[in-house]
């Protein structure tokens, strides 16, 4: 065998060895990737299970303590606050009305409670409870909204929740429902602000009617326009067209959690200067949201207008 042939055989063996090592490496990498995915999937399942367990535990607690008599009022309010971090409790008042039965020497009557619940960005609500001492049940319930509710977009849907809570004699329904509403309002606010964070403001004339030329900083604009979680974001383009996204939040009758609906439109002023919808982009917007998120969806549509 010549020296050249030996070199060629050694080369072929080295190439074969290299290919074998590469194959093992790929198999090892694929195995690790599968194990990583399986581990990640297990962690997600475990996290969801823990979250659902915590949610159900909190829900059961607030339901349990929503109708207890006066000796548990502090615990009841404590658990109510745990399930709704945006709620503050103040001005707890109690009045006991006793009636004595002279025939069996027993006492019955009622306990009247009055307290004020403050929900972040939604104002104050006066809660009045009348509890039967003998059977520890709720005789009557009143939920009285204060002035600020008149200024928020979800006024009517909150009134629907109040009426349902009174109908079922259930404070927990009201607290849980308000928590659901506030979570959705905060989410809407964050999403709108995230859109403003990445916009090139030099390409636009106004946002929600506020001229971008007057903007000192993005932070001040966000605070000015979105502090109270408006239902819409409307961007005016240099072409004088407006892109508007409406995000409505509401309670369905008989339900204690809210649902939302997002619509979109392109608007342009007519010859008289009145705004007129020239294109319904709701279907496109919702499809893009499903594929990504609302911020990406809005930015993609703005880029093609």
C-alpha atoms as a PDB file:
ATOM      1  CA  UNK A   1       0.000   0.000   0.000  1.00  0.00           C
ATOM      2  CA  UNK A   2       1.356   3.379  -0.980  1.00  0.00           C
ATOM      3  CA  UNK A   3       1.766   6.248   1.439  1.00  0.00           C
ATOM      4  CA  UNK A   4      -0.945   8.192  -0.378  1.00  0.00           C
ATOM      5  CA  UNK A   5      -3.453   5.384   0.075  1.00  0.00           C
ATOM      6  CA  UNK A   6      -2.675   5.245   3.799  1.00  0.00           C
ATOM      7  CA  UNK A   7      -3.308   8.955   4.102  1.00  0.00           C
ATOM      8  CA  UNK A   8      -6.584   8.613   2.224  1.00  0.00           C
ATOM      9  CA  UNK A   9      -7.747   5.780   4.471  1.00  0.00           C
ATOM     10  CA  UNK A  10      -6.821   7.760   7.582  1.00  0.00           C
ATOM     11  CA  UNK A  11      -8.698  10.741   6.185  1.00  0.00           C
ATOM     12  CA  UNK A  12     -11.805   8.636   5.511  1.00  0.00           C
ATOM     13  CA  UNK A  13     -11.679   7.178   9.008  1.00  0.00           C
ATOM     14  CA  UNK A  14     -11.343  10.651  10.534  1.00  0.00           C
ATOM     15  CA  UNK A  15     -14.261  11.915   8.460  1.00  0.00           C
ATOM     16  CA  UNK A  16     -16.334   8.913   9.508  1.00  0.00           C
ATOM     17  CA  UNK A  17     -15.385   9.523  13.149  1.00  0.00           C
ATOM     18  CA  UNK A  18     -16.254  13.208  12.851  1.00  0.00           C
ATOM     19  CA  UNK A  19     -19.647  12.419  11.320  1.00  0.00           C
ATOM     20  CA  UNK A  20     -20.339   9.924  14.094  1.00  0.00           C
ATOM     21  CA  UNK A  21     -19.502  12.541  16.744  1.00  0.00           C
ATOM     22  CA  UNK A  22     -21.691  15.134  15.016  1.00  0.00           C
ATOM     23  CA  UNK A  23     -24.545  12.632  14.882  1.00  0.00           C
ATOM     24  CA  UNK A  24     -24.203  11.878  18.604  1.00  0.00           C
ATOM     25  CA  UNK A  25     -24.073  15.586  19.336  1.00  0.00           C
ATOM     26  CA  UNK A  26     -27.292  16.213  17.390  1.00  0.00           C
ATOM     27  CA  UNK A  27     -29.027  13.310  19.140  1.00  0.00           C
ATOM     28  CA  UNK A  28     -27.860  14.608  22.534  1.00  0.00           C
ATOM     29  CA  UNK A  29     -29.051  18.123  21.682  1.00  0.00           C
ATOM     30  CA  UNK A  30     -32.464  16.886  20.517  1.00  0.00           C
ATOM     31  CA  UNK A  31     -32.825  14.739  23.650  1.00  0.00           C
ATOM     32  CA  UNK A  32     -31.973  17.692  25.899  1.00  0.00           C
ATOM     33  CA  UNK A  33     -34.382  19.920  23.986  1.00  0.00           C
ATOM     34  CA  UNK A  34     -37.214  17.398  24.384  1.00  0.00           C
ATOM     35  CA  UNK A  35     -36.459  17.026  28.090  1.00  0.00           C
ATOM     36  CA  UNK A  36     -36.345  20.818  28.466  1.00  0.00           C
ATOM     37  CA  UNK A  37     -39.703  21.191  26.716  1.00  0.00           C
ATOM     38  CA  UNK A  38     -41.233  18.450  28.836  1.00  0.00           C
ATOM     39  CA  UNK A  39     -39.837  20.059  32.004  1.00  0.00           C
ATOM     40  CA  UNK A  40     -41.127  23.481  30.922  1.00  0.00           C
ATOM     41  CA  UNK A  41     -44.533  21.980  30.158  1.00  0.00           C
ATOM     42  CA  UNK A  42     -44.655  20.298  33.572  1.00  0.00           C
ATOM     43  CA  UNK A  43     -43.689  23.579  35.262  1.00  0.00           C
ATOM     44  CA  UNK A  44     -46.434  25.440  33.380  1.00  0.00           C
ATOM     45  CA  UNK A  45     -49.015  22.824  34.345  1.00  0.00           C
ATOM     46  CA  UNK A  46     -47.876  22.964  37.976  1.00  0.00           C
ATOM     47  CA  UNK A  47     -47.968  26.794  37.951  1.00  0.00           C
ATOM     48  CA  UNK A  48     -51.477  26.826  36.477  1.00  0.00           C
ATOM     49  CA  UNK A  49     -52.597  24.256  39.040  1.00  0.00           C
ATOM     50  CA  UNK A  50     -51.177  26.336  41.900  1.00  0.00           C
ATOM     51  CA  UNK A  51     -52.763  29.504  40.503  1.00  0.00           C
ATOM     52  CA  UNK A  52     -56.163  27.849  40.141  1.00  0.00           C
ATOM     53  CA  UNK A  53     -55.869  26.363  43.632  1.00  0.00           C
ATOM     54  CA  UNK A  54     -55.051  29.790  45.110  1.00  0.00           C
ATOM     55  CA  UNK A  55     -57.864  31.413  43.138  1.00  0.00           C
ATOM     56  CA  UNK A  56     -60.403  28.802  44.237  1.00  0.00           C
ATOM     57  CA  UNK A  57     -59.199  29.063  47.849  1.00  0.00           C
ATOM     58  CA  UNK A  58     -59.603  32.858  47.844  1.00  0.00           C
ATOM     59  CA  UNK A  59     -62.980  32.618  46.121  1.00  0.00           C
ATOM     60  CA  UNK A  60     -64.226  30.078  48.672  1.00  0.00           C
ATOM     61  CA  UNK A  61     -62.982  32.211  51.549  1.00  0.00           C
ATOM     62  CA  UNK A  62     -64.689  35.386  50.415  1.00  0.00           C
ATOM     63  CA  UNK A  63     -67.885  33.459  49.704  1.00  0.00           C
ATOM     64  CA  UNK A  64     -67.715  31.834  53.129  1.00  0.00           C
ATOM     65  CA  UNK A  65     -67.126  35.054  55.017  1.00  0.00           C
ATOM     66  CA  UNK A  66     -69.534  37.220  53.035  1.00  0.00           C
ATOM     67  CA  UNK A  67     -72.507  36.221  55.231  1.00  0.00           C
ATOM     68  CA  UNK A  68     -70.996  35.615  58.646  1.00  0.00           C
ATOM     69  CA  UNK A  69     -72.305  37.469  61.728  1.00  0.00           C
ATOM     70  CA  UNK A  70     -70.587  40.393  63.432  1.00  0.00           C
ATOM     71  CA  UNK A  71     -68.017  38.418  65.438  1.00  0.00           C
ATOM     72  CA  UNK A  72     -66.263  37.546  62.147  1.00  0.00           C
ATOM     73  CA  UNK A  73     -66.528  40.942  60.468  1.00  0.00           C
ATOM     74  CA  UNK A  74     -62.781  41.643  60.695  1.00  0.00           C
ATOM     75  CA  UNK A  75     -61.889  38.275  59.148  1.00  0.00           C
ATOM     76  CA  UNK A  76     -64.516  38.710  56.450  1.00  0.00           C
ATOM     77  CA  UNK A  77     -63.143  42.116  55.452  1.00  0.00           C
ATOM     78  CA  UNK A  78     -59.565  40.858  55.657  1.00  0.00           C
ATOM     79  CA  UNK A  79     -60.215  38.100  53.133  1.00  0.00           C
ATOM     80  CA  UNK A  80     -62.242  40.443  50.959  1.00  0.00           C
ATOM     81  CA  UNK A  81     -59.210  42.748  50.777  1.00  0.00           C
ATOM     82  CA  UNK A  82     -56.916  39.799  49.947  1.00  0.00           C
ATOM     83  CA  UNK A  83     -58.994  38.930  46.899  1.00  0.00           C
ATOM     84  CA  UNK A  84     -59.132  42.553  45.746  1.00  0.00           C
ATOM     85  CA  UNK A  85     -55.831  44.416  46.296  1.00  0.00           C
ATOM     86  CA  UNK A  86     -57.254  47.574  44.709  1.00  0.00           C
ATOM     87  CA  UNK A  87     -59.884  47.881  47.448  1.00  0.00           C
ATOM     88  CA  UNK A  88     -59.549  49.825  50.700  1.00  0.00           C
ATOM     89  CA  UNK A  89     -61.954  49.483  53.634  1.00  0.00           C
ATOM     90  CA  UNK A  90     -62.813  52.305  56.018  1.00  0.00           C
ATOM     91  CA  UNK A  91     -65.479  53.727  58.321  1.00  0.00           C
ATOM     92  CA  UNK A  92     -66.815  50.448  59.726  1.00  0.00           C
ATOM     93  CA  UNK A  93     -69.871  51.137  61.885  1.00  0.00           C
ATOM     94  CA  UNK A  94     -72.002  48.658  63.828  1.00  0.00           C
ATOM     95  CA  UNK A  95     -75.370  48.911  65.552  1.00  0.00           C
ATOM     96  CA  UNK A  96     -77.056  46.066  67.492  1.00  0.00           C
ATOM     97  CA  UNK A  97     -80.841  45.896  67.704  1.00  0.00           C
ATOM     98  CA  UNK A  98     -81.945  43.300  70.305  1.00  0.00           C
ATOM     99  CA  UNK A  99     -85.427  41.949  70.936  1.00  0.00           C
ATOM    100  CA  UNK A 100     -86.191  39.858  74.052  1.00  0.00           C
ATOM    101  CA  UNK A 101     -88.755  37.036  73.960  1.00  0.00           C
ATOM    102  CA  UNK A 102     -90.406  37.023  77.404  1.00  0.00           C
ATOM    103  CA  UNK A 103     -91.874  33.537  76.895  1.00  0.00           C
ATOM    104  CA  UNK A 104     -88.670  31.550  76.291  1.00  0.00           C
ATOM    105  CA  UNK A 105     -86.177  34.066  77.673  1.00  0.00           C
ATOM    106  CA  UNK A 106     -84.249  34.208  74.390  1.00  0.00           C
ATOM    107  CA  UNK A 107     -82.890  37.166  72.489  1.00  0.00           C
ATOM    108  CA  UNK A 108     -83.033  37.869  68.806  1.00  0.00           C
ATOM    109  CA  UNK A 109     -82.834  40.888  66.575  1.00  0.00           C
ATOM    110  CA  UNK A 110     -80.382  42.223  64.033  1.00  0.00           C
ATOM    111  CA  UNK A 111     -76.995  43.818  63.576  1.00  0.00           C
ATOM    112  CA  UNK A 112     -76.593  46.736  61.200  1.00  0.00           C
ATOM    113  CA  UNK A 113     -73.258  47.309  59.516  1.00  0.00           C
ATOM    114  CA  UNK A 114     -72.162  50.279  57.473  1.00  0.00           C
ATOM    115  CA  UNK A 115     -68.776  50.509  55.801  1.00  0.00           C
ATOM    116  CA  UNK A 116     -67.113  52.326  52.941  1.00  0.00           C
ATOM    117  CA  UNK A 117     -65.232  50.455  50.221  1.00  0.00           C
ATOM    118  CA  UNK A 118     -62.884  52.438  47.994  1.00  0.00           C
ATOM    119  CA  UNK A 119     -61.915  50.921  44.654  1.00  0.00           C
ATOM    120  CA  UNK A 120     -58.925  52.411  42.863  1.00  0.00           C
ATOM    121  CA  UNK A 121     -60.034  54.712  39.974  1.00  0.00           C
ATOM    122  CA  UNK A 122     -63.699  53.782  40.552  1.00  0.00           C
ATOM    123  CA  UNK A 123     -64.451  55.729  43.736  1.00  0.00           C
ATOM    124  CA  UNK A 124     -66.293  54.925  46.958  1.00  0.00           C
ATOM    125  CA  UNK A 125     -69.219  52.622  47.662  1.00  0.00           C
ATOM    126  CA  UNK A 126     -71.226  52.619  50.888  1.00  0.00           C
ATOM    127  CA  UNK A 127     -72.195  49.098  51.983  1.00  0.00           C
ATOM    128  CA  UNK A 128     -75.088  48.643  54.420  1.00  0.00           C
ATOM    129  CA  UNK A 129     -75.819  45.175  55.825  1.00  0.00           C
ATOM    130  CA  UNK A 130     -78.587  44.004  58.118  1.00  0.00           C
ATOM    131  CA  UNK A 131     -77.796  40.596  59.664  1.00  0.00           C
ATOM    132  CA  UNK A 132     -80.252  38.389  61.547  1.00  0.00           C
ATOM    133  CA  UNK A 133     -78.701  37.443  64.909  1.00  0.00           C
ATOM    134  CA  UNK A 134     -80.644  34.222  65.410  1.00  0.00           C
ATOM    135  CA  UNK A 135     -79.872  32.437  62.138  1.00  0.00           C
ATOM    136  CA  UNK A 136     -76.847  34.541  61.113  1.00  0.00           C
ATOM    137  CA  UNK A 137     -78.255  35.366  57.685  1.00  0.00           C
ATOM    138  CA  UNK A 138     -78.421  38.597  55.710  1.00  0.00           C
ATOM    139  CA  UNK A 139     -81.788  40.345  55.991  1.00  0.00           C
ATOM    140  CA  UNK A 140     -80.982  43.142  53.579  1.00  0.00           C
ATOM    141  CA  UNK A 141     -78.120  44.707  51.695  1.00  0.00           C
ATOM    142  CA  UNK A 142     -77.545  48.114  50.142  1.00  0.00           C
ATOM    143  CA  UNK A 143     -74.667  49.169  47.881  1.00  0.00           C
ATOM    144  CA  UNK A 144     -74.615  52.909  47.314  1.00  0.00           C
ATOM    145  CA  UNK A 145     -72.110  54.330  44.780  1.00  0.00           C
ATOM    146  CA  UNK A 146     -70.684  57.769  45.454  1.00  0.00           C
ATOM    147  CA  UNK A 147     -70.013  60.630  43.049  1.00  0.00           C
ATOM    148  CA  UNK A 148     -66.923  59.417  41.145  1.00  0.00           C
ATOM    149  CA  UNK A 149     -68.799  56.590  39.444  1.00  0.00           C
ATOM    150  CA  UNK A 150     -70.516  59.193  37.265  1.00  0.00           C
ATOM    151  CA  UNK A 151     -67.184  60.048  35.599  1.00  0.00           C
ATOM    152  CA  UNK A 152     -66.007  56.580  34.547  1.00  0.00           C
ATOM    153  CA  UNK A 153     -66.868  54.763  31.338  1.00  0.00           C
ATOM    154  CA  UNK A 154     -68.062  51.584  33.058  1.00  0.00           C
ATOM    155  CA  UNK A 155     -70.776  53.283  35.136  1.00  0.00           C
ATOM    156  CA  UNK A 156     -73.677  51.297  33.678  1.00  0.00           C
ATOM    157  CA  UNK A 157     -71.928  47.954  33.949  1.00  0.00           C
ATOM    158  CA  UNK A 158     -71.062  48.637  37.619  1.00  0.00           C
ATOM    159  CA  UNK A 159     -74.726  49.379  38.284  1.00  0.00           C
ATOM    160  CA  UNK A 160     -75.582  46.012  36.701  1.00  0.00           C
ATOM    161  CA  UNK A 161     -73.154  44.316  39.100  1.00  0.00           C
ATOM    162  CA  UNK A 162     -74.625  46.203  42.066  1.00  0.00           C
ATOM    163  CA  UNK A 163     -78.172  45.149  41.193  1.00  0.00           C
ATOM    164  CA  UNK A 164     -77.140  41.484  40.863  1.00  0.00           C
ATOM    165  CA  UNK A 165     -75.251  41.578  44.180  1.00  0.00           C
ATOM    166  CA  UNK A 166     -78.267  43.048  45.970  1.00  0.00           C
ATOM    167  CA  UNK A 167     -80.564  40.525  44.314  1.00  0.00           C
ATOM    168  CA  UNK A 168     -78.481  37.611  45.645  1.00  0.00           C
ATOM    169  CA  UNK A 169     -77.689  39.236  49.028  1.00  0.00           C
ATOM    170  CA  UNK A 170     -74.014  38.700  48.266  1.00  0.00           C
ATOM    171  CA  UNK A 171     -71.243  41.200  49.008  1.00  0.00           C
ATOM    172  CA  UNK A 172     -68.634  38.726  47.735  1.00  0.00           C
ATOM    173  CA  UNK A 173     -70.219  38.901  44.271  1.00  0.00           C
ATOM    174  CA  UNK A 174     -69.753  42.673  44.279  1.00  0.00           C
ATOM    175  CA  UNK A 175     -66.146  42.575  45.560  1.00  0.00           C
ATOM    176  CA  UNK A 176     -65.138  39.809  43.152  1.00  0.00           C
ATOM    177  CA  UNK A 177     -66.824  41.587  40.249  1.00  0.00           C
ATOM    178  CA  UNK A 178     -65.133  44.905  41.002  1.00  0.00           C
ATOM    179  CA  UNK A 179     -61.796  43.112  41.234  1.00  0.00           C
ATOM    180  CA  UNK A 180     -62.433  41.583  37.806  1.00  0.00           C
ATOM    181  CA  UNK A 181     -63.308  45.008  36.398  1.00  0.00           C
ATOM    182  CA  UNK A 182     -60.270  46.740  37.902  1.00  0.00           C
ATOM    183  CA  UNK A 183     -57.907  44.074  36.591  1.00  0.00           C
ATOM    184  CA  UNK A 184     -59.295  44.571  33.090  1.00  0.00           C
ATOM    185  CA  UNK A 185     -59.137  48.388  33.394  1.00  0.00           C
ATOM    186  CA  UNK A 186     -55.495  48.200  34.503  1.00  0.00           C
ATOM    187  CA  UNK A 187     -54.697  45.834  31.638  1.00  0.00           C
ATOM    188  CA  UNK A 188     -56.319  48.200  29.131  1.00  0.00           C
ATOM    189  CA  UNK A 189     -54.357  51.127  30.556  1.00  0.00           C
ATOM    190  CA  UNK A 190     -51.052  49.218  30.369  1.00  0.00           C
ATOM    191  CA  UNK A 191     -51.695  48.136  26.777  1.00  0.00           C
ATOM    192  CA  UNK A 192     -52.525  51.667  25.618  1.00  0.00           C
ATOM    193  CA  UNK A 193     -49.437  53.070  27.363  1.00  0.00           C
ATOM    194  CA  UNK A 194     -47.228  50.370  25.828  1.00  0.00           C
ATOM    195  CA  UNK A 195     -48.386  51.537  22.378  1.00  0.00           C
ATOM    196  CA  UNK A 196     -47.430  55.146  23.140  1.00  0.00           C
ATOM    197  CA  UNK A 197     -44.021  54.013  24.425  1.00  0.00           C
ATOM    198  CA  UNK A 198     -42.938  52.769  20.977  1.00  0.00           C
ATOM    199  CA  UNK A 199     -44.669  55.279  18.674  1.00  0.00           C
ATOM    200  CA  UNK A 200     -42.575  57.717  16.653  1.00  0.00           C
ATOM    201  CA  UNK A 201     -44.592  60.761  17.697  1.00  0.00           C
ATOM    202  CA  UNK A 202     -43.107  62.873  14.880  1.00  0.00           C
ATOM    203  CA  UNK A 203     -45.247  60.886  12.429  1.00  0.00           C
ATOM    204  CA  UNK A 204     -48.541  61.784  14.117  1.00  0.00           C
ATOM    205  CA  UNK A 205     -50.583  64.925  14.738  1.00  0.00           C
ATOM    206  CA  UNK A 206     -52.513  64.038  17.886  1.00  0.00           C
ATOM    207  CA  UNK A 207     -53.361  61.231  20.289  1.00  0.00           C
ATOM    208  CA  UNK A 208     -56.848  61.158  21.805  1.00  0.00           C
ATOM    209  CA  UNK A 209     -57.270  64.735  20.601  1.00  0.00           C
ATOM    210  CA  UNK A 210     -54.111  66.008  22.322  1.00  0.00           C
ATOM    211  CA  UNK A 211     -51.567  67.598  19.896  1.00  0.00           C
ATOM    212  CA  UNK A 212     -48.241  65.769  20.001  1.00  0.00           C
ATOM    213  CA  UNK A 213     -46.477  69.109  19.426  1.00  0.00           C
ATOM    214  CA  UNK A 214     -47.429  70.049  23.000  1.00  0.00           C
ATOM    215  CA  UNK A 215     -45.953  66.902  24.488  1.00  0.00           C
ATOM    216  CA  UNK A 216     -43.012  67.472  26.828  1.00  0.00           C
ATOM    217  CA  UNK A 217     -42.415  63.783  27.515  1.00  0.00           C
ATOM    218  CA  UNK A 218     -44.021  60.427  26.804  1.00  0.00           C
ATOM    219  CA  UNK A 219     -44.496  59.901  30.543  1.00  0.00           C
ATOM    220  CA  UNK A 220     -46.475  63.132  30.917  1.00  0.00           C
ATOM    221  CA  UNK A 221     -48.635  62.207  27.899  1.00  0.00           C
ATOM    222  CA  UNK A 222     -49.401  58.772  29.346  1.00  0.00           C
ATOM    223  CA  UNK A 223     -50.309  60.284  32.699  1.00  0.00           C
ATOM    224  CA  UNK A 224     -52.525  62.907  31.068  1.00  0.00           C
ATOM    225  CA  UNK A 225     -54.402  60.623  28.667  1.00  0.00           C
ATOM    226  CA  UNK A 226     -54.501  57.196  30.281  1.00  0.00           C
ATOM    227  CA  UNK A 227     -54.458  57.657  34.054  1.00  0.00           C
ATOM    228  CA  UNK A 228     -58.183  56.836  34.274  1.00  0.00           C
ATOM    229  CA  UNK A 229     -58.110  54.021  31.695  1.00  0.00           C
ATOM    230  CA  UNK A 230     -60.190  55.509  28.843  1.00  0.00           C
ATOM    231  CA  UNK A 231     -62.108  53.098  26.643  1.00  0.00           C
ATOM    232  CA  UNK A 232     -60.316  54.155  23.457  1.00  0.00           C
ATOM    233  CA  UNK A 233     -57.051  55.220  21.901  1.00  0.00           C
ATOM    234  CA  UNK A 234     -57.281  57.419  18.802  1.00  0.00           C
ATOM    235  CA  UNK A 235     -54.216  58.349  16.766  1.00  0.00           C
ATOM    236  CA  UNK A 236     -54.334  61.104  14.121  1.00  0.00           C
ATOM    237  CA  UNK A 237     -51.977  60.513  11.204  1.00  0.00           C
ATOM    238  CA  UNK A 238     -50.314  63.156   9.040  1.00  0.00           C
ATOM    239  CA  UNK A 239     -52.773  62.155   6.286  1.00  0.00           C
ATOM    240  CA  UNK A 240     -55.562  63.552   8.527  1.00  0.00           C
ATOM    241  CA  UNK A 241     -56.919  60.041   9.010  1.00  0.00           C
ATOM    242  CA  UNK A 242     -57.591  58.699  12.482  1.00  0.00           C
ATOM    243  CA  UNK A 243     -57.099  55.151  13.688  1.00  0.00           C
ATOM    244  CA  UNK A 244     -59.355  54.414  16.645  1.00  0.00           C
ATOM    245  CA  UNK A 245     -59.425  51.360  18.893  1.00  0.00           C
ATOM    246  CA  UNK A 246     -62.338  50.918  21.322  1.00  0.00           C
ATOM    247  CA  UNK A 247     -62.016  48.500  24.246  1.00  0.00           C
ATOM    248  CA  UNK A 248     -65.319  48.052  26.059  1.00  0.00           C
ATOM    249  CA  UNK A 249     -65.580  46.241  29.409  1.00  0.00           C
ATOM    250  CA  UNK A 250     -68.908  45.072  30.787  1.00  0.00           C
ATOM    251  CA  UNK A 251     -70.701  42.624  33.060  1.00  0.00           C
ATOM    252  CA  UNK A 252     -73.275  40.285  31.624  1.00  0.00           C
ATOM    253  CA  UNK A 253     -76.429  40.047  33.685  1.00  0.00           C
ATOM    254  CA  UNK A 254     -76.176  37.295  36.275  1.00  0.00           C
ATOM    255  CA  UNK A 255     -72.373  37.029  35.966  1.00  0.00           C
ATOM    256  CA  UNK A 256     -69.834  38.297  38.505  1.00  0.00           C
ATOM    257  CA  UNK A 257     -66.884  38.570  36.117  1.00  0.00           C
ATOM    258  CA  UNK A 258     -66.474  41.042  33.296  1.00  0.00           C
ATOM    259  CA  UNK A 259     -65.901  40.458  29.599  1.00  0.00           C
ATOM    260  CA  UNK A 260     -64.340  42.781  27.047  1.00  0.00           C
ATOM    261  CA  UNK A 261     -64.748  43.512  23.366  1.00  0.00           C
ATOM    262  CA  UNK A 262     -62.271  45.337  21.118  1.00  0.00           C
ATOM    263  CA  UNK A 263     -63.258  47.097  17.889  1.00  0.00           C
ATOM    264  CA  UNK A 264     -61.322  49.261  15.442  1.00  0.00           C
ATOM    265  CA  UNK A 265     -62.062  51.818  12.760  1.00  0.00           C
ATOM    266  CA  UNK A 266     -60.401  54.309  10.434  1.00  0.00           C
ATOM    267  CA  UNK A 267     -61.997  57.752  10.637  1.00  0.00           C
ATOM    268  CA  UNK A 268     -61.753  60.839   8.445  1.00  0.00           C
ATOM    269  CA  UNK A 269     -63.481  64.202   8.709  1.00  0.00           C
ATOM    270  CA  UNK A 270     -65.986  65.010   5.967  1.00  0.00           C
ATOM    271  CA  UNK A 271     -66.226  68.366   4.176  1.00  0.00           C
ATOM    272  CA  UNK A 272     -68.107  69.864   7.112  1.00  0.00           C
ATOM    273  CA  UNK A 273     -65.400  68.709   9.519  1.00  0.00           C
ATOM    274  CA  UNK A 274     -67.491  65.962  11.100  1.00  0.00           C
ATOM    275  CA  UNK A 275     -65.723  62.653  11.847  1.00  0.00           C
ATOM    276  CA  UNK A 276     -66.913  59.769   9.679  1.00  0.00           C
ATOM    277  CA  UNK A 277     -65.872  56.118   9.780  1.00  0.00           C
ATOM    278  CA  UNK A 278     -64.460  55.180   6.373  1.00  0.00           C
ATOM    279  CA  UNK A 279     -63.296  51.645   7.181  1.00  0.00           C
ATOM    280  CA  UNK A 280     -64.164  49.012   9.781  1.00  0.00           C
ATOM    281  CA  UNK A 281     -60.938  47.248  10.764  1.00  0.00           C
ATOM    282  CA  UNK A 282     -62.357  45.205  13.662  1.00  0.00           C
ATOM    283  CA  UNK A 283     -61.909  41.812  11.968  1.00  0.00           C
ATOM    284  CA  UNK A 284     -58.337  42.611  10.927  1.00  0.00           C
ATOM    285  CA  UNK A 285     -57.532  43.975  14.387  1.00  0.00           C
ATOM    286  CA  UNK A 286     -58.877  40.919  16.217  1.00  0.00           C
ATOM    287  CA  UNK A 287     -57.016  38.510  13.923  1.00  0.00           C
ATOM    288  CA  UNK A 288     -53.757  40.366  14.522  1.00  0.00           C
ATOM    289  CA  UNK A 289     -54.375  40.393  18.279  1.00  0.00           C
ATOM    290  CA  UNK A 290     -54.874  36.614  18.237  1.00  0.00           C
ATOM    291  CA  UNK A 291     -51.584  36.199  16.375  1.00  0.00           C
ATOM    292  CA  UNK A 292     -49.606  38.541  18.644  1.00  0.00           C
ATOM    293  CA  UNK A 293     -51.011  41.137  21.049  1.00  0.00           C
ATOM    294  CA  UNK A 294     -52.898  44.421  20.881  1.00  0.00           C
ATOM    295  CA  UNK A 295     -49.748  46.563  20.756  1.00  0.00           C
ATOM    296  CA  UNK A 296     -48.313  44.660  17.788  1.00  0.00           C
ATOM    297  CA  UNK A 297     -51.713  44.677  16.079  1.00  0.00           C
ATOM    298  CA  UNK A 298     -52.133  48.453  16.372  1.00  0.00           C
ATOM    299  CA  UNK A 299     -48.569  49.143  15.203  1.00  0.00           C
ATOM    300  CA  UNK A 300     -48.954  46.872  12.161  1.00  0.00           C
ATOM    301  CA  UNK A 301     -52.153  48.635  11.093  1.00  0.00           C
ATOM    302  CA  UNK A 302     -50.639  52.089  11.629  1.00  0.00           C
ATOM    303  CA  UNK A 303     -47.741  51.119   9.352  1.00  0.00           C
ATOM    304  CA  UNK A 304     -50.071  50.401   6.422  1.00  0.00           C
ATOM    305  CA  UNK A 305     -52.375  53.419   6.775  1.00  0.00           C
END
